[in-house]
Amino acid sequence: MPGNEMIFGYARVSTQDQNVDRQLDELKAAGCQKIFYEKISGTKIERPEFLRMLDQVRSGDLIIITELTRLSRSTKDLLNVVEMLEEKGVSIKSLKESWLDTSSAHGKLLFTFFAGISQFERDIISERVKSGLKAARARGRKGGRKPADPKNVDIAVRMWKSKEYSINEILKTCGISRRTLYKYLKQDEDCRKIIEKII
C-alpha cells in the first residue's frame, strides 16, 4: 500500500480458554503490521481492543480479519461496522470470505449487493409488522406486548423471596421478562429496598 497507510489485523475468540494463535499466525502471514486481539464474546458491543483499533485507523488503512464471525455475530452489526469504516476511508478484508474486500472495486460492489439484500429483508419485515398492526387495529386490538399472567407473576415473586433460585431460572420458569419481575417486586414492601439496590 502506498504512502503511510497501515495494515491492521483483528483477532478474537469468545472465551478465555480458547486459543487465538491460529488467527494471529494467519494475520501475520497476510502482512498485518499491527494486530489487536482479545478474548471476549462477539455479542458484546463494547470490545476494548476492537474500539482501540477503531480509534487508531486512518483513511487509507486496511483491516484484515480471518473470518466474518471474528468481527460480528449478526449481519446487521457487520454492515454497520463496514459502513462506519467506509465513512472513515478504511477498507476491510476477510481471509475466509473472499467476497469481503472493500479495498477493491469488485469487493465494494459485492458488499453493496449484500447490504442491499439485507436492507430489503429489513424492509419486508417492517412492512409485515405494520400490516399486522393495521389488521389488529381493524379488529379492535391494540399493539404491544400481552400482559403477564398474574399467576405466573405471583409464582415468580415467591420464587425470588425463597432465595433458592437465580433470576434467570425464575424468568425461564415463569415466562416473564426481567423488567416485569422487577416491576412487581418493587410493589412489595419487603422486596423494594433490595431491588432498588440491584437496579
N, C-alpha and C. Protein backbone atom coordinates (compact mmCIF):
# COMPACT_ATOMS: atom_id res chain seq x y z
N MET A 1 0.85 -1.20 0.00
CA MET A 1 0.00 0.00 0.00
C MET A 1 0.88 1.25 0.00
N PRO A 2 0.62 2.19 -0.87
CA PRO A 2 1.46 3.38 -0.96
C PRO A 2 1.26 4.30 0.23
N GLY A 3 2.27 5.21 0.41
CA GLY A 3 2.13 6.21 1.47
C GLY A 3 2.32 5.64 2.86
N ASN A 4 1.65 6.29 3.84
CA ASN A 4 1.78 5.86 5.23
C ASN A 4 0.64 4.96 5.69
N GLU A 5 -0.11 4.39 4.73
CA GLU A 5 -1.23 3.53 5.09
C GLU A 5 -0.75 2.31 5.87
N MET A 6 -1.57 1.87 6.81
CA MET A 6 -1.23 0.72 7.66
C MET A 6 -2.17 -0.44 7.38
N ILE A 7 -1.65 -1.64 7.61
CA ILE A 7 -2.49 -2.84 7.53
C ILE A 7 -2.66 -3.36 8.96
N PHE A 8 -3.87 -3.28 9.46
CA PHE A 8 -4.18 -3.74 10.81
C PHE A 8 -4.82 -5.13 10.76
N GLY A 9 -4.65 -5.87 11.84
CA GLY A 9 -5.31 -7.17 11.94
C GLY A 9 -6.15 -7.19 13.21
N TYR A 10 -7.28 -7.90 13.15
CA TYR A 10 -8.11 -8.04 14.35
C TYR A 10 -8.48 -9.51 14.53
N ALA A 11 -8.17 -10.02 15.72
CA ALA A 11 -8.46 -11.41 16.05
C ALA A 11 -9.28 -11.46 17.34
N ARG A 12 -10.15 -12.47 17.42
CA ARG A 12 -10.97 -12.59 18.63
C ARG A 12 -11.40 -14.03 18.84
N VAL A 13 -11.41 -14.45 20.10
CA VAL A 13 -12.04 -15.70 20.49
C VAL A 13 -13.04 -15.36 21.59
N SER A 14 -14.02 -16.23 21.78
CA SER A 14 -15.13 -15.91 22.68
C SER A 14 -14.83 -16.11 24.16
N THR A 15 -13.99 -17.10 24.49
CA THR A 15 -13.75 -17.41 25.90
C THR A 15 -12.26 -17.44 26.22
N GLN A 16 -11.95 -17.34 27.50
CA GLN A 16 -10.55 -17.28 27.95
C GLN A 16 -9.78 -18.56 27.66
N ASP A 17 -10.47 -19.70 27.59
CA ASP A 17 -9.75 -20.96 27.38
C ASP A 17 -9.53 -21.28 25.89
N GLN A 18 -10.03 -20.43 25.00
CA GLN A 18 -9.80 -20.63 23.57
C GLN A 18 -8.47 -19.99 23.15
N ASN A 19 -7.86 -20.57 22.12
CA ASN A 19 -6.54 -20.11 21.68
C ASN A 19 -6.67 -19.22 20.44
N VAL A 20 -5.99 -18.08 20.50
CA VAL A 20 -6.06 -17.12 19.40
C VAL A 20 -4.86 -17.21 18.45
N ASP A 21 -3.93 -18.13 18.74
CA ASP A 21 -2.68 -18.23 17.98
C ASP A 21 -2.88 -18.46 16.49
N ARG A 22 -3.82 -19.34 16.09
CA ARG A 22 -4.03 -19.62 14.68
C ARG A 22 -4.41 -18.35 13.92
N GLN A 23 -5.30 -17.56 14.51
CA GLN A 23 -5.71 -16.31 13.87
C GLN A 23 -4.52 -15.35 13.74
N LEU A 24 -3.72 -15.26 14.81
CA LEU A 24 -2.56 -14.36 14.79
C LEU A 24 -1.57 -14.76 13.70
N ASP A 25 -1.34 -16.07 13.54
CA ASP A 25 -0.41 -16.56 12.52
C ASP A 25 -0.92 -16.20 11.11
N GLU A 26 -2.23 -16.37 10.89
CA GLU A 26 -2.81 -16.07 9.59
C GLU A 26 -2.74 -14.57 9.28
N LEU A 27 -2.98 -13.75 10.29
CA LEU A 27 -2.94 -12.30 10.10
C LEU A 27 -1.51 -11.81 9.81
N LYS A 28 -0.55 -12.40 10.52
CA LYS A 28 0.85 -12.04 10.27
C LYS A 28 1.26 -12.43 8.86
N ALA A 29 0.82 -13.63 8.43
CA ALA A 29 1.16 -14.12 7.09
C ALA A 29 0.50 -13.24 6.02
N ALA A 30 -0.62 -12.59 6.38
CA ALA A 30 -1.33 -11.74 5.42
C ALA A 30 -0.72 -10.34 5.35
N GLY A 31 0.33 -10.10 6.16
CA GLY A 31 1.04 -8.83 6.08
C GLY A 31 0.59 -7.75 7.06
N CYS A 32 -0.14 -8.15 8.09
CA CYS A 32 -0.60 -7.17 9.08
C CYS A 32 0.60 -6.58 9.85
N GLN A 33 0.62 -5.27 9.95
CA GLN A 33 1.71 -4.58 10.65
C GLN A 33 1.41 -4.39 12.14
N LYS A 34 0.14 -4.34 12.47
CA LYS A 34 -0.26 -4.20 13.87
C LYS A 34 -1.53 -5.01 14.08
N ILE A 35 -1.52 -5.85 15.11
CA ILE A 35 -2.65 -6.74 15.35
C ILE A 35 -3.26 -6.50 16.73
N PHE A 36 -4.57 -6.37 16.75
CA PHE A 36 -5.31 -6.26 18.00
C PHE A 36 -6.06 -7.57 18.21
N TYR A 37 -6.01 -8.10 19.42
CA TYR A 37 -6.75 -9.34 19.69
C TYR A 37 -7.29 -9.33 21.11
N GLU A 38 -8.36 -10.09 21.30
CA GLU A 38 -8.98 -10.16 22.62
C GLU A 38 -9.80 -11.43 22.78
N LYS A 39 -10.10 -11.73 24.05
CA LYS A 39 -10.93 -12.89 24.37
C LYS A 39 -12.22 -12.36 24.99
N ILE A 40 -13.23 -12.24 24.13
CA ILE A 40 -14.50 -11.66 24.55
C ILE A 40 -15.59 -12.09 23.57
N SER A 41 -16.82 -12.20 24.04
CA SER A 41 -17.92 -12.63 23.20
C SER A 41 -18.18 -11.65 22.06
N GLY A 42 -18.50 -12.17 20.89
CA GLY A 42 -18.80 -11.34 19.73
C GLY A 42 -20.13 -10.62 19.86
N THR A 43 -20.95 -11.04 20.83
CA THR A 43 -22.25 -10.38 21.01
C THR A 43 -22.12 -9.09 21.81
N LYS A 44 -20.95 -8.90 22.46
CA LYS A 44 -20.75 -7.68 23.24
C LYS A 44 -20.40 -6.51 22.33
N ILE A 45 -21.08 -5.40 22.56
CA ILE A 45 -20.83 -4.20 21.75
C ILE A 45 -19.51 -3.55 22.17
N GLU A 46 -19.28 -3.47 23.48
CA GLU A 46 -18.07 -2.81 24.00
C GLU A 46 -16.92 -3.81 24.04
N ARG A 47 -16.15 -3.89 22.97
CA ARG A 47 -14.97 -4.75 22.93
C ARG A 47 -13.74 -3.83 22.96
N PRO A 48 -13.03 -3.78 24.09
CA PRO A 48 -11.93 -2.82 24.30
C PRO A 48 -10.90 -2.75 23.18
N GLU A 49 -10.36 -3.90 22.76
CA GLU A 49 -9.31 -3.90 21.73
C GLU A 49 -9.86 -3.48 20.37
N PHE A 50 -11.07 -3.90 20.08
CA PHE A 50 -11.69 -3.52 18.82
C PHE A 50 -11.89 -2.00 18.76
N LEU A 51 -12.34 -1.43 19.88
CA LEU A 51 -12.54 0.02 19.96
C LEU A 51 -11.20 0.76 19.87
N ARG A 52 -10.14 0.18 20.46
CA ARG A 52 -8.81 0.79 20.38
C ARG A 52 -8.34 0.84 18.94
N MET A 53 -8.60 -0.25 18.21
CA MET A 53 -8.20 -0.30 16.80
C MET A 53 -8.96 0.76 16.00
N LEU A 54 -10.28 0.86 16.23
CA LEU A 54 -11.08 1.85 15.52
C LEU A 54 -10.59 3.27 15.77
N ASP A 55 -10.05 3.49 16.96
CA ASP A 55 -9.54 4.81 17.31
C ASP A 55 -8.23 5.12 16.58
N GLN A 56 -7.49 4.07 16.20
CA GLN A 56 -6.17 4.28 15.60
C GLN A 56 -6.16 4.28 14.07
N VAL A 57 -7.15 3.61 13.45
CA VAL A 57 -7.14 3.53 11.99
C VAL A 57 -7.41 4.90 11.36
N ARG A 58 -6.80 5.12 10.21
CA ARG A 58 -6.95 6.37 9.49
C ARG A 58 -7.33 6.09 8.03
N SER A 59 -7.74 7.11 7.34
CA SER A 59 -8.14 6.97 5.94
C SER A 59 -7.01 6.33 5.12
N GLY A 60 -7.34 5.32 4.33
CA GLY A 60 -6.35 4.62 3.52
C GLY A 60 -5.87 3.33 4.16
N ASP A 61 -6.14 3.14 5.45
CA ASP A 61 -5.72 1.92 6.14
C ASP A 61 -6.61 0.74 5.75
N LEU A 62 -6.09 -0.46 6.04
CA LEU A 62 -6.82 -1.70 5.76
C LEU A 62 -6.88 -2.54 7.03
N ILE A 63 -8.04 -3.10 7.33
CA ILE A 63 -8.21 -4.02 8.47
C ILE A 63 -8.47 -5.41 7.90
N ILE A 64 -7.69 -6.38 8.36
CA ILE A 64 -7.87 -7.76 7.92
C ILE A 64 -8.36 -8.62 9.08
N ILE A 65 -9.35 -9.46 8.82
CA ILE A 65 -9.85 -10.44 9.79
C ILE A 65 -9.76 -11.81 9.15
N THR A 66 -9.68 -12.86 9.97
CA THR A 66 -9.58 -14.20 9.40
C THR A 66 -10.93 -14.67 8.86
N GLU A 67 -12.03 -14.26 9.52
CA GLU A 67 -13.38 -14.60 9.06
C GLU A 67 -14.38 -13.64 9.68
N LEU A 68 -15.54 -13.55 9.07
CA LEU A 68 -16.54 -12.56 9.47
C LEU A 68 -17.00 -12.70 10.92
N THR A 69 -17.08 -13.95 11.42
CA THR A 69 -17.58 -14.14 12.79
C THR A 69 -16.64 -13.53 13.83
N ARG A 70 -15.41 -13.26 13.46
CA ARG A 70 -14.48 -12.62 14.40
C ARG A 70 -14.87 -11.15 14.60
N LEU A 71 -15.51 -10.58 13.57
CA LEU A 71 -15.86 -9.16 13.62
C LEU A 71 -17.25 -8.94 14.18
N SER A 72 -18.19 -9.81 13.84
CA SER A 72 -19.56 -9.62 14.28
C SER A 72 -20.33 -10.92 14.24
N ARG A 73 -21.37 -11.01 15.09
CA ARG A 73 -22.21 -12.19 15.14
C ARG A 73 -23.53 -12.01 14.38
N SER A 74 -23.76 -10.81 13.86
CA SER A 74 -25.00 -10.58 13.13
C SER A 74 -24.73 -9.78 11.87
N THR A 75 -25.54 -10.02 10.85
CA THR A 75 -25.38 -9.32 9.58
C THR A 75 -25.56 -7.82 9.76
N LYS A 76 -26.54 -7.46 10.58
CA LYS A 76 -26.84 -6.04 10.80
C LYS A 76 -25.62 -5.32 11.38
N ASP A 77 -25.01 -5.91 12.43
CA ASP A 77 -23.84 -5.28 13.06
C ASP A 77 -22.66 -5.23 12.09
N LEU A 78 -22.49 -6.29 11.30
CA LEU A 78 -21.40 -6.34 10.34
C LEU A 78 -21.53 -5.20 9.33
N LEU A 79 -22.73 -5.03 8.80
CA LEU A 79 -22.97 -3.97 7.83
C LEU A 79 -22.70 -2.60 8.44
N ASN A 80 -23.14 -2.42 9.68
CA ASN A 80 -22.92 -1.14 10.37
C ASN A 80 -21.44 -0.85 10.54
N VAL A 81 -20.67 -1.88 10.93
CA VAL A 81 -19.23 -1.71 11.15
C VAL A 81 -18.52 -1.37 9.84
N VAL A 82 -18.83 -2.13 8.78
CA VAL A 82 -18.17 -1.91 7.50
C VAL A 82 -18.52 -0.53 6.94
N GLU A 83 -19.79 -0.15 7.07
CA GLU A 83 -20.21 1.18 6.58
C GLU A 83 -19.53 2.30 7.35
N MET A 84 -19.37 2.09 8.68
CA MET A 84 -18.69 3.09 9.51
C MET A 84 -17.23 3.23 9.08
N LEU A 85 -16.58 2.10 8.80
CA LEU A 85 -15.17 2.12 8.36
C LEU A 85 -15.05 2.77 6.98
N GLU A 86 -16.01 2.50 6.12
CA GLU A 86 -16.01 3.10 4.78
C GLU A 86 -16.08 4.63 4.87
N GLU A 87 -16.89 5.12 5.82
CA GLU A 87 -17.01 6.56 6.01
C GLU A 87 -15.68 7.18 6.45
N LYS A 88 -14.87 6.38 7.17
CA LYS A 88 -13.56 6.85 7.62
C LYS A 88 -12.48 6.65 6.56
N GLY A 89 -12.87 6.02 5.45
CA GLY A 89 -11.90 5.75 4.39
C GLY A 89 -11.06 4.53 4.67
N VAL A 90 -11.54 3.66 5.56
CA VAL A 90 -10.81 2.44 5.94
C VAL A 90 -11.44 1.23 5.26
N SER A 91 -10.62 0.40 4.63
CA SER A 91 -11.11 -0.81 3.95
C SER A 91 -11.02 -2.00 4.90
N ILE A 92 -11.80 -3.04 4.57
CA ILE A 92 -11.77 -4.26 5.39
C ILE A 92 -11.74 -5.48 4.48
N LYS A 93 -11.02 -6.50 4.93
CA LYS A 93 -10.85 -7.71 4.13
C LYS A 93 -10.93 -8.94 5.02
N SER A 94 -11.67 -9.95 4.55
CA SER A 94 -11.77 -11.22 5.27
C SER A 94 -10.98 -12.27 4.51
N LEU A 95 -10.15 -13.03 5.21
CA LEU A 95 -9.34 -14.06 4.56
C LEU A 95 -10.19 -15.26 4.14
N LYS A 96 -11.22 -15.57 4.92
CA LYS A 96 -12.07 -16.73 4.62
C LYS A 96 -13.13 -16.39 3.59
N GLU A 97 -13.82 -15.26 3.80
CA GLU A 97 -14.87 -14.84 2.87
C GLU A 97 -14.26 -13.85 1.88
N SER A 98 -13.77 -14.36 0.76
CA SER A 98 -13.02 -13.54 -0.19
C SER A 98 -13.87 -12.43 -0.82
N TRP A 99 -15.20 -12.57 -0.76
CA TRP A 99 -16.05 -11.53 -1.35
C TRP A 99 -16.00 -10.23 -0.55
N LEU A 100 -15.59 -10.35 0.75
CA LEU A 100 -15.50 -9.12 1.56
C LEU A 100 -14.08 -8.57 1.47
N ASP A 101 -13.89 -7.64 0.56
CA ASP A 101 -12.62 -6.95 0.40
C ASP A 101 -12.93 -5.58 -0.18
N THR A 102 -13.25 -4.64 0.70
CA THR A 102 -13.67 -3.31 0.23
C THR A 102 -12.51 -2.46 -0.26
N SER A 103 -11.30 -3.05 -0.30
CA SER A 103 -10.16 -2.31 -0.84
C SER A 103 -10.13 -2.41 -2.37
N SER A 104 -10.99 -3.32 -2.91
CA SER A 104 -11.05 -3.47 -4.37
C SER A 104 -12.44 -3.06 -4.87
N ALA A 105 -12.50 -2.65 -6.12
CA ALA A 105 -13.77 -2.23 -6.72
C ALA A 105 -14.76 -3.40 -6.74
N HIS A 106 -14.27 -4.60 -7.06
CA HIS A 106 -15.12 -5.80 -7.10
C HIS A 106 -15.69 -6.10 -5.71
N GLY A 107 -14.83 -6.00 -4.69
CA GLY A 107 -15.27 -6.26 -3.31
C GLY A 107 -16.32 -5.26 -2.85
N LYS A 108 -16.11 -3.99 -3.20
CA LYS A 108 -17.08 -2.96 -2.83
C LYS A 108 -18.43 -3.22 -3.48
N LEU A 109 -18.40 -3.65 -4.75
CA LEU A 109 -19.63 -3.94 -5.46
C LEU A 109 -20.39 -5.09 -4.80
N LEU A 110 -19.66 -6.16 -4.45
CA LEU A 110 -20.30 -7.31 -3.79
C LEU A 110 -20.87 -6.93 -2.43
N PHE A 111 -20.11 -6.12 -1.67
CA PHE A 111 -20.58 -5.71 -0.36
C PHE A 111 -21.85 -4.88 -0.50
N THR A 112 -21.87 -3.96 -1.48
CA THR A 112 -23.05 -3.14 -1.71
C THR A 112 -24.26 -4.02 -2.05
N PHE A 113 -24.02 -5.08 -2.81
CA PHE A 113 -25.08 -6.01 -3.18
C PHE A 113 -25.65 -6.70 -1.95
N PHE A 114 -24.75 -7.24 -1.09
CA PHE A 114 -25.21 -7.93 0.12
C PHE A 114 -25.90 -6.96 1.08
N ALA A 115 -25.39 -5.75 1.18
CA ALA A 115 -26.01 -4.75 2.05
C ALA A 115 -27.41 -4.42 1.56
N GLY A 116 -27.58 -4.36 0.22
CA GLY A 116 -28.89 -4.09 -0.36
C GLY A 116 -29.89 -5.18 -0.04
N ILE A 117 -29.43 -6.44 -0.12
CA ILE A 117 -30.31 -7.57 0.21
C ILE A 117 -30.73 -7.51 1.68
N SER A 118 -29.78 -7.21 2.55
CA SER A 118 -30.08 -7.12 3.97
C SER A 118 -31.10 -6.03 4.26
N GLN A 119 -30.93 -4.88 3.60
CA GLN A 119 -31.88 -3.78 3.79
C GLN A 119 -33.26 -4.17 3.26
N PHE A 120 -33.29 -4.89 2.15
CA PHE A 120 -34.54 -5.36 1.56
C PHE A 120 -35.27 -6.28 2.54
N GLU A 121 -34.52 -7.19 3.19
CA GLU A 121 -35.12 -8.09 4.17
C GLU A 121 -35.69 -7.31 5.35
N ARG A 122 -34.95 -6.29 5.81
CA ARG A 122 -35.44 -5.48 6.94
C ARG A 122 -36.71 -4.73 6.55
N ASP A 123 -36.76 -4.23 5.30
CA ASP A 123 -37.94 -3.51 4.84
C ASP A 123 -39.16 -4.42 4.78
N ILE A 124 -38.95 -5.66 4.33
CA ILE A 124 -40.05 -6.62 4.24
C ILE A 124 -40.59 -6.92 5.65
N ILE A 125 -39.69 -7.15 6.60
CA ILE A 125 -40.11 -7.42 7.99
C ILE A 125 -40.89 -6.24 8.55
N SER A 126 -40.39 -5.03 8.28
CA SER A 126 -41.06 -3.82 8.76
C SER A 126 -42.47 -3.70 8.18
N GLU A 127 -42.60 -4.00 6.88
CA GLU A 127 -43.91 -3.93 6.22
C GLU A 127 -44.87 -4.96 6.81
N ARG A 128 -44.37 -6.15 7.11
CA ARG A 128 -45.21 -7.20 7.69
C ARG A 128 -45.71 -6.80 9.08
N VAL A 129 -44.83 -6.19 9.86
CA VAL A 129 -45.21 -5.75 11.21
C VAL A 129 -46.29 -4.67 11.12
N LYS A 130 -46.08 -3.71 10.21
CA LYS A 130 -47.05 -2.62 10.04
C LYS A 130 -48.40 -3.16 9.58
N SER A 131 -48.38 -4.11 8.65
CA SER A 131 -49.62 -4.70 8.14
C SER A 131 -50.34 -5.47 9.24
N GLY A 132 -49.55 -6.18 10.06
CA GLY A 132 -50.13 -6.94 11.17
C GLY A 132 -50.80 -6.04 12.19
N LEU A 133 -50.15 -4.93 12.52
CA LEU A 133 -50.71 -3.98 13.49
C LEU A 133 -51.97 -3.33 12.92
N LYS A 134 -51.93 -3.02 11.62
CA LYS A 134 -53.09 -2.39 10.99
C LYS A 134 -54.29 -3.33 11.01
N ALA A 135 -54.05 -4.61 10.71
CA ALA A 135 -55.12 -5.60 10.72
C ALA A 135 -55.67 -5.81 12.13
N ALA A 136 -54.75 -5.79 13.13
CA ALA A 136 -55.17 -5.97 14.52
C ALA A 136 -56.03 -4.80 14.98
N ARG A 137 -55.65 -3.58 14.58
CA ARG A 137 -56.43 -2.40 14.95
C ARG A 137 -57.82 -2.45 14.32
N ALA A 138 -57.88 -2.96 13.09
CA ALA A 138 -59.17 -3.07 12.39
C ALA A 138 -60.10 -4.03 13.12
N ARG A 139 -59.48 -5.00 13.82
CA ARG A 139 -60.30 -5.94 14.60
C ARG A 139 -60.50 -5.46 16.02
N GLY A 140 -60.04 -4.23 16.30
CA GLY A 140 -60.25 -3.66 17.63
C GLY A 140 -59.20 -4.01 18.66
N ARG A 141 -58.05 -4.53 18.20
CA ARG A 141 -56.96 -4.87 19.13
C ARG A 141 -55.85 -3.87 19.01
N LYS A 142 -55.23 -3.55 20.12
CA LYS A 142 -54.10 -2.61 20.12
C LYS A 142 -52.79 -3.39 20.09
N GLY A 143 -51.76 -2.71 19.57
CA GLY A 143 -50.45 -3.35 19.52
C GLY A 143 -49.80 -3.37 20.89
N GLY A 144 -48.63 -3.99 20.95
CA GLY A 144 -47.91 -4.04 22.23
C GLY A 144 -47.87 -5.45 22.78
N ARG A 145 -47.09 -5.62 23.85
CA ARG A 145 -46.94 -6.94 24.45
C ARG A 145 -48.18 -7.37 25.22
N LYS A 146 -48.41 -8.67 25.24
CA LYS A 146 -49.50 -9.23 26.02
C LYS A 146 -49.15 -9.14 27.50
N PRO A 147 -50.08 -8.69 28.35
CA PRO A 147 -49.78 -8.55 29.78
C PRO A 147 -49.37 -9.89 30.40
N ALA A 148 -48.49 -9.83 31.39
CA ALA A 148 -48.03 -11.04 32.05
C ALA A 148 -49.17 -11.67 32.85
N ASP A 149 -49.21 -13.00 32.87
CA ASP A 149 -50.23 -13.72 33.63
C ASP A 149 -49.99 -13.49 35.13
N PRO A 150 -50.99 -12.96 35.85
CA PRO A 150 -50.84 -12.67 37.29
C PRO A 150 -50.39 -13.89 38.09
N LYS A 151 -50.85 -15.08 37.68
CA LYS A 151 -50.46 -16.30 38.41
C LYS A 151 -48.96 -16.54 38.27
N ASN A 152 -48.45 -16.33 37.05
CA ASN A 152 -47.02 -16.53 36.82
C ASN A 152 -46.19 -15.49 37.57
N VAL A 153 -46.71 -14.27 37.63
CA VAL A 153 -46.02 -13.20 38.37
C VAL A 153 -45.96 -13.55 39.85
N ASP A 154 -47.06 -14.05 40.39
CA ASP A 154 -47.12 -14.42 41.81
C ASP A 154 -46.11 -15.52 42.13
N ILE A 155 -46.04 -16.51 41.24
CA ILE A 155 -45.08 -17.61 41.43
C ILE A 155 -43.65 -17.07 41.37
N ALA A 156 -43.40 -16.16 40.43
CA ALA A 156 -42.06 -15.58 40.27
C ALA A 156 -41.63 -14.83 41.52
N VAL A 157 -42.54 -14.04 42.08
CA VAL A 157 -42.23 -13.28 43.31
C VAL A 157 -41.92 -14.23 44.45
N ARG A 158 -42.71 -15.29 44.58
CA ARG A 158 -42.47 -16.28 45.66
C ARG A 158 -41.13 -16.98 45.49
N MET A 159 -40.81 -17.31 44.24
CA MET A 159 -39.52 -17.96 43.97
C MET A 159 -38.37 -17.03 44.34
N TRP A 160 -38.52 -15.74 44.01
CA TRP A 160 -37.46 -14.77 44.32
C TRP A 160 -37.29 -14.62 45.83
N LYS A 161 -38.40 -14.58 46.56
CA LYS A 161 -38.35 -14.43 48.01
C LYS A 161 -37.73 -15.65 48.69
N SER A 162 -37.86 -16.82 48.07
CA SER A 162 -37.31 -18.04 48.67
C SER A 162 -35.79 -18.05 48.66
N LYS A 163 -35.19 -17.23 47.77
CA LYS A 163 -33.73 -17.12 47.64
C LYS A 163 -33.09 -18.44 47.21
N GLU A 164 -33.88 -19.33 46.61
CA GLU A 164 -33.38 -20.63 46.18
C GLU A 164 -33.15 -20.69 44.67
N TYR A 165 -33.56 -19.64 43.97
CA TYR A 165 -33.47 -19.65 42.51
C TYR A 165 -32.76 -18.41 41.99
N SER A 166 -32.08 -18.57 40.86
CA SER A 166 -31.45 -17.41 40.22
C SER A 166 -32.51 -16.64 39.42
N ILE A 167 -32.20 -15.39 39.08
CA ILE A 167 -33.14 -14.58 38.30
C ILE A 167 -33.46 -15.28 36.98
N ASN A 168 -32.44 -15.82 36.30
CA ASN A 168 -32.66 -16.49 35.01
C ASN A 168 -33.56 -17.71 35.15
N GLU A 169 -33.40 -18.46 36.24
CA GLU A 169 -34.25 -19.63 36.48
C GLU A 169 -35.70 -19.21 36.67
N ILE A 170 -35.90 -18.11 37.39
CA ILE A 170 -37.26 -17.60 37.65
C ILE A 170 -37.90 -17.15 36.35
N LEU A 171 -37.16 -16.38 35.54
CA LEU A 171 -37.71 -15.85 34.29
C LEU A 171 -38.07 -16.97 33.33
N LYS A 172 -37.20 -17.98 33.25
CA LYS A 172 -37.42 -19.11 32.34
C LYS A 172 -38.61 -19.94 32.79
N THR A 173 -38.72 -20.17 34.09
CA THR A 173 -39.80 -21.00 34.63
C THR A 173 -41.16 -20.33 34.48
N CYS A 174 -41.20 -19.03 34.74
CA CYS A 174 -42.48 -18.31 34.75
C CYS A 174 -42.82 -17.63 33.42
N GLY A 175 -41.86 -17.56 32.51
CA GLY A 175 -42.14 -16.98 31.21
C GLY A 175 -42.43 -15.48 31.23
N ILE A 176 -41.74 -14.77 32.11
CA ILE A 176 -41.91 -13.31 32.18
C ILE A 176 -40.56 -12.63 31.96
N SER A 177 -40.58 -11.34 31.72
CA SER A 177 -39.34 -10.60 31.48
C SER A 177 -38.75 -10.11 32.80
N ARG A 178 -37.45 -9.79 32.77
CA ARG A 178 -36.77 -9.26 33.94
C ARG A 178 -37.43 -7.94 34.39
N ARG A 179 -37.79 -7.11 33.40
CA ARG A 179 -38.42 -5.83 33.70
C ARG A 179 -39.74 -6.02 34.45
N THR A 180 -40.54 -7.01 33.99
CA THR A 180 -41.83 -7.29 34.64
C THR A 180 -41.61 -7.78 36.07
N LEU A 181 -40.64 -8.67 36.26
CA LEU A 181 -40.37 -9.18 37.60
C LEU A 181 -39.98 -8.06 38.54
N TYR A 182 -39.05 -7.20 38.12
CA TYR A 182 -38.61 -6.09 38.98
C TYR A 182 -39.76 -5.12 39.27
N LYS A 183 -40.62 -4.94 38.27
CA LYS A 183 -41.76 -4.03 38.44
C LYS A 183 -42.65 -4.49 39.60
N TYR A 184 -42.95 -5.79 39.64
CA TYR A 184 -43.82 -6.31 40.68
C TYR A 184 -43.10 -6.47 42.02
N LEU A 185 -41.81 -6.73 41.98
CA LEU A 185 -41.05 -6.83 43.23
C LEU A 185 -40.99 -5.47 43.92
N LYS A 186 -40.90 -4.39 43.12
CA LYS A 186 -40.86 -3.04 43.69
C LYS A 186 -42.17 -2.64 44.34
N GLN A 187 -43.25 -3.34 43.98
CA GLN A 187 -44.54 -3.07 44.59
C GLN A 187 -44.69 -3.77 45.93
N ASP A 188 -43.76 -4.66 46.24
CA ASP A 188 -43.79 -5.40 47.50
C ASP A 188 -42.87 -4.70 48.51
N GLU A 189 -43.41 -4.35 49.64
CA GLU A 189 -42.66 -3.61 50.67
C GLU A 189 -41.39 -4.34 51.07
N ASP A 190 -41.46 -5.68 51.20
CA ASP A 190 -40.31 -6.46 51.66
C ASP A 190 -39.18 -6.51 50.63
N CYS A 191 -39.55 -6.35 49.36
CA CYS A 191 -38.57 -6.51 48.29
C CYS A 191 -38.02 -5.20 47.75
N ARG A 192 -38.75 -4.10 47.95
CA ARG A 192 -38.43 -2.84 47.27
C ARG A 192 -36.98 -2.39 47.50
N LYS A 193 -36.54 -2.34 48.74
CA LYS A 193 -35.19 -1.82 49.04
C LYS A 193 -34.10 -2.67 48.39
N ILE A 194 -34.31 -4.00 48.40
CA ILE A 194 -33.31 -4.90 47.81
C ILE A 194 -33.24 -4.68 46.30
N ILE A 195 -34.40 -4.59 45.66
CA ILE A 195 -34.49 -4.42 44.22
C ILE A 195 -33.88 -3.10 43.79
N GLU A 196 -34.13 -2.03 44.56
CA GLU A 196 -33.59 -0.73 44.22
C GLU A 196 -32.08 -0.72 44.22
N LYS A 197 -31.47 -1.56 45.05
CA LYS A 197 -30.00 -1.68 45.07
C LYS A 197 -29.50 -2.41 43.84
N ILE A 198 -30.29 -3.39 43.35
CA ILE A 198 -29.88 -4.19 42.20
C ILE A 198 -29.95 -3.38 40.92
N ILE A 199 -31.04 -2.59 40.77
CA ILE A 199 -31.24 -1.86 39.52
C ILE A 199 -30.90 -0.38 39.70
